[in-house]
N, C-alpha and C. Protein backbone atom coordinates (compact mmCIF):
# COMPACT_ATOMS: atom_id res chain seq x y z
N MET A 1 1.03 -1.27 -0.08
CA MET A 1 0.10 -0.04 -0.02
C MET A 1 0.70 1.16 -0.11
N PHE A 2 0.60 2.33 -0.67
CA PHE A 2 1.15 3.63 -0.78
C PHE A 2 0.85 4.27 0.52
N ARG A 3 1.77 4.72 0.91
CA ARG A 3 1.91 5.46 2.34
C ARG A 3 2.39 6.86 2.13
N ILE A 4 1.84 8.04 2.47
CA ILE A 4 2.22 9.12 2.98
C ILE A 4 2.41 9.55 4.39
N LEU A 5 3.72 9.44 5.16
CA LEU A 5 4.03 9.64 6.67
C LEU A 5 4.67 11.12 6.75
N VAL A 6 3.75 11.42 7.66
CA VAL A 6 4.02 13.34 8.03
C VAL A 6 4.15 13.26 9.38
N TYR A 7 5.60 13.83 9.90
CA TYR A 7 5.43 13.88 11.51
C TYR A 7 5.84 14.95 11.91
N ASP A 8 5.85 15.46 13.07
CA ASP A 8 5.81 16.88 13.86
C ASP A 8 6.40 16.18 15.08
N VAL A 9 7.43 16.48 14.93
CA VAL A 9 8.75 15.89 16.59
C VAL A 9 9.37 17.26 16.88
N GLN A 10 9.64 17.17 18.21
CA GLN A 10 10.59 17.89 18.94
C GLN A 10 11.74 18.00 18.50
N VAL A 11 12.28 19.09 17.98
CA VAL A 11 13.94 19.06 17.57
C VAL A 11 15.08 18.42 17.63
N SER A 12 15.00 18.10 19.04
CA SER A 12 15.66 17.11 19.62
C SER A 12 15.82 15.50 19.07
N ARG A 13 14.68 15.19 18.29
CA ARG A 13 14.15 13.70 17.74
C ARG A 13 14.46 13.92 16.33
N VAL A 14 14.25 14.79 15.50
CA VAL A 14 13.96 15.09 14.20
C VAL A 14 14.73 14.69 13.21
N SER A 15 16.23 14.45 13.72
CA SER A 15 17.24 13.84 13.12
C SER A 15 17.26 12.36 13.05
N LYS A 16 17.18 12.09 14.35
CA LYS A 16 16.64 10.56 14.42
C LYS A 16 15.66 9.64 13.84
N VAL A 17 14.45 10.83 13.73
CA VAL A 17 13.24 10.30 13.08
C VAL A 17 13.52 10.18 11.15
N ARG A 18 14.18 11.15 10.88
CA ARG A 18 14.49 11.36 9.64
C ARG A 18 15.43 9.80 9.20
N ARG A 19 16.23 9.79 9.99
CA ARG A 19 17.62 8.84 9.72
C ARG A 19 16.96 7.67 9.28
N TYR A 20 15.89 7.09 10.37
CA TYR A 20 15.24 6.01 10.36
C TYR A 20 14.41 5.83 9.36
N LEU A 21 13.58 6.81 9.16
CA LEU A 21 12.27 6.75 7.94
C LEU A 21 13.21 6.49 6.67
N SER A 22 14.23 7.49 6.24
CA SER A 22 15.21 7.23 5.21
C SER A 22 15.53 5.84 4.65
N ASP A 23 15.31 4.92 5.61
CA ASP A 23 15.73 3.70 5.13
C ASP A 23 14.46 3.06 4.93
N LYS A 24 13.46 3.34 5.09
CA LYS A 24 12.46 2.76 4.64
C LYS A 24 11.46 3.41 3.70
N LEU A 25 11.64 4.56 3.17
CA LEU A 25 10.41 5.64 2.59
C LEU A 25 11.49 6.51 1.61
N PHE A 26 10.70 7.14 1.06
CA PHE A 26 11.69 8.17 0.12
C PHE A 26 11.21 9.63 0.99
N TRP A 27 12.23 10.64 1.10
CA TRP A 27 12.05 11.89 1.87
C TRP A 27 11.48 12.86 0.76
N THR A 28 10.26 13.52 0.68
CA THR A 28 9.98 14.45 -0.37
C THR A 28 9.76 15.55 0.40
N GLN A 29 9.90 15.78 1.50
CA GLN A 29 9.73 17.05 2.06
C GLN A 29 10.05 17.31 3.58
N ASN A 30 10.92 18.26 4.09
CA ASN A 30 10.68 18.46 5.37
C ASN A 30 9.33 17.60 5.95
N SER A 31 9.78 16.50 7.30
CA SER A 31 8.88 15.99 7.79
C SER A 31 7.92 15.05 7.14
N THR A 32 8.09 15.01 6.24
CA THR A 32 7.56 14.06 4.98
C THR A 32 7.93 13.12 4.18
N PHE A 33 7.72 11.80 4.49
CA PHE A 33 8.19 10.83 3.40
C PHE A 33 6.78 10.05 2.89
N GLU A 34 7.21 9.34 1.67
CA GLU A 34 6.38 8.59 1.22
C GLU A 34 7.18 7.19 0.43
N GLY A 35 5.97 6.36 0.07
CA GLY A 35 6.56 5.23 -0.20
C GLY A 35 5.58 3.87 -0.21
N PHE A 36 5.83 2.71 -0.66
CA PHE A 36 5.45 1.79 -0.07
C PHE A 36 5.62 1.05 0.46
N LEU A 37 4.57 0.52 1.88
CA LEU A 37 5.08 -0.24 2.81
C LEU A 37 3.94 -1.11 3.38
N SER A 38 3.45 -2.15 3.39
CA SER A 38 2.88 -3.69 3.38
C SER A 38 2.22 -2.95 4.80
N GLU A 39 1.01 -3.62 5.15
CA GLU A 39 0.04 -3.35 6.53
C GLU A 39 1.69 -3.67 7.77
N PRO A 40 2.32 -5.16 7.77
CA PRO A 40 2.89 -5.55 8.43
C PRO A 40 3.85 -4.69 8.78
N GLN A 41 4.81 -4.16 7.33
CA GLN A 41 6.08 -3.19 7.39
C GLN A 41 5.67 -1.87 8.19
N LYS A 42 4.00 -1.77 7.58
CA LYS A 42 3.75 0.01 8.69
C LYS A 42 3.85 -0.08 9.79
N THR A 43 3.37 -1.24 10.23
CA THR A 43 2.89 -1.84 11.86
C THR A 43 4.21 -1.69 12.54
N ILE A 44 5.39 -2.27 11.90
CA ILE A 44 6.69 -2.45 12.61
C ILE A 44 7.34 -0.76 12.26
N VAL A 45 7.07 -0.52 11.53
CA VAL A 45 7.86 1.30 11.52
C VAL A 45 7.21 2.33 12.41
N LEU A 46 5.89 1.80 12.80
CA LEU A 46 5.06 3.04 13.78
C LEU A 46 5.83 2.29 14.89
N GLN A 47 5.63 1.07 15.37
CA GLN A 47 6.23 0.64 16.49
C GLN A 47 7.76 0.84 16.61
N GLN A 48 8.35 0.78 15.58
CA GLN A 48 9.81 1.44 15.81
C GLN A 48 10.01 3.12 16.44
N LEU A 49 9.21 3.65 15.75
CA LEU A 49 9.28 4.89 15.60
C LEU A 49 8.78 5.48 17.35
N SER A 50 7.49 4.82 17.90
CA SER A 50 7.17 4.92 18.90
C SER A 50 7.72 4.54 20.21
N SER A 51 8.82 4.02 19.83
CA SER A 51 10.04 3.35 20.90
C SER A 51 11.00 4.76 21.05
N PHE A 52 11.00 5.75 20.01
CA PHE A 52 11.99 7.11 20.56
C PHE A 52 11.33 8.32 20.58
N LEU A 53 9.78 8.60 20.53
CA LEU A 53 8.93 9.42 20.50
C LEU A 53 8.30 9.79 21.59
N ASP A 54 8.09 11.05 22.10
CA ASP A 54 7.37 11.18 22.94
C ASP A 54 5.60 11.59 22.85
N PRO A 55 4.84 10.55 23.27
CA PRO A 55 3.50 10.90 22.81
C PRO A 55 2.54 12.34 23.33
N GLU A 56 3.61 12.71 24.01
CA GLU A 56 2.85 13.68 25.11
C GLU A 56 3.41 15.15 24.22
N GLU A 57 4.01 15.18 23.35
CA GLU A 57 5.00 16.14 22.35
C GLU A 57 5.14 16.27 21.03
N ASP A 58 5.18 14.44 20.60
CA ASP A 58 5.27 14.52 19.28
C ASP A 58 3.83 13.79 18.54
N SER A 59 4.18 13.90 17.26
CA SER A 59 2.91 13.24 16.26
C SER A 59 3.41 12.68 15.32
N ILE A 60 2.51 11.70 14.74
CA ILE A 60 2.91 11.14 13.39
C ILE A 60 1.49 10.75 12.38
N LEU A 61 1.79 11.33 11.25
CA LEU A 61 0.22 11.10 10.43
C LEU A 61 0.58 10.33 9.55
N VAL A 62 -0.01 8.89 9.13
CA VAL A 62 0.07 8.21 8.05
C VAL A 62 -1.56 8.37 7.27
N PHE A 63 -1.06 8.75 5.89
CA PHE A 63 -2.06 8.49 4.79
C PHE A 63 -2.02 7.42 4.11
N SER A 64 -2.78 6.54 3.57
CA SER A 64 -2.61 5.18 2.90
C SER A 64 -3.86 5.19 1.74
N THR A 65 -2.99 4.55 0.96
CA THR A 65 -4.07 4.37 -0.41
C THR A 65 -3.34 3.31 -1.15
N GLU A 66 -4.26 2.55 -1.84
CA GLU A 66 -3.86 1.37 -2.57
C GLU A 66 -2.88 1.45 -3.50
N ALA A 67 -2.47 3.01 -4.14
CA ALA A 67 -1.53 2.90 -5.40
C ALA A 67 -1.47 4.27 -5.28
N ASP A 68 0.02 4.94 -5.70
CA ASP A 68 0.18 6.42 -5.41
C ASP A 68 -0.67 7.28 -6.43
N TYR A 69 -0.88 6.51 -7.53
CA TYR A 69 -1.73 7.05 -8.63
C TYR A 69 -3.20 7.38 -8.42
N SER A 70 -3.42 6.86 -6.98
CA SER A 70 -5.04 7.11 -6.71
C SER A 70 -5.50 8.80 -6.38
N TRP A 71 -4.24 9.64 -6.28
CA TRP A 71 -4.73 10.84 -5.99
C TRP A 71 -3.52 11.92 -6.88
N GLU A 72 -3.83 12.93 -7.11
CA GLU A 72 -2.95 14.00 -7.78
C GLU A 72 -1.72 14.53 -6.92
N LYS A 73 -0.73 14.16 -7.34
CA LYS A 73 0.66 15.36 -6.25
C LYS A 73 0.55 16.24 -7.31
N ARG A 74 0.71 17.33 -6.69
CA ARG A 74 1.27 18.53 -7.43
C ARG A 74 2.33 19.23 -6.64
N MET A 75 3.94 19.52 -7.52
CA MET A 75 4.72 20.17 -6.26
C MET A 75 4.82 21.69 -7.04
N ILE A 76 5.12 22.73 -5.96
CA ILE A 76 5.56 23.91 -6.48
C ILE A 76 6.56 24.00 -5.67
N GLY A 77 7.70 24.64 -6.71
CA GLY A 77 8.86 25.05 -6.06
C GLY A 77 9.56 23.87 -6.15
N ILE A 78 10.81 24.02 -5.30
CA ILE A 78 11.83 22.84 -5.32
C ILE A 78 11.47 21.67 -4.63
N GLU A 79 11.67 20.56 -6.14
CA GLU A 79 11.67 19.29 -5.25
C GLU A 79 12.54 18.63 -4.71
N LYS A 80 12.50 17.81 -3.62
CA LYS A 80 13.61 17.27 -2.90
C LYS A 80 13.92 16.32 -3.02
């Protein structure tokens, strides 16, 4: 399944989250990654992320769709 993962974490954890996610998904913008993850892979990624996040200060939002062509993606400005 195609996933878009957006995170909002404290500055002290940003590099750790980015490093972890860059092994699993493609970095598309600050705090945004996208790519294909199965349901079990998504579960593992979220479990691993939750091990070093603070649920009182940090948040992760995951959008899922069957395929990346299910919606239109439009980039304005510099693509990362």
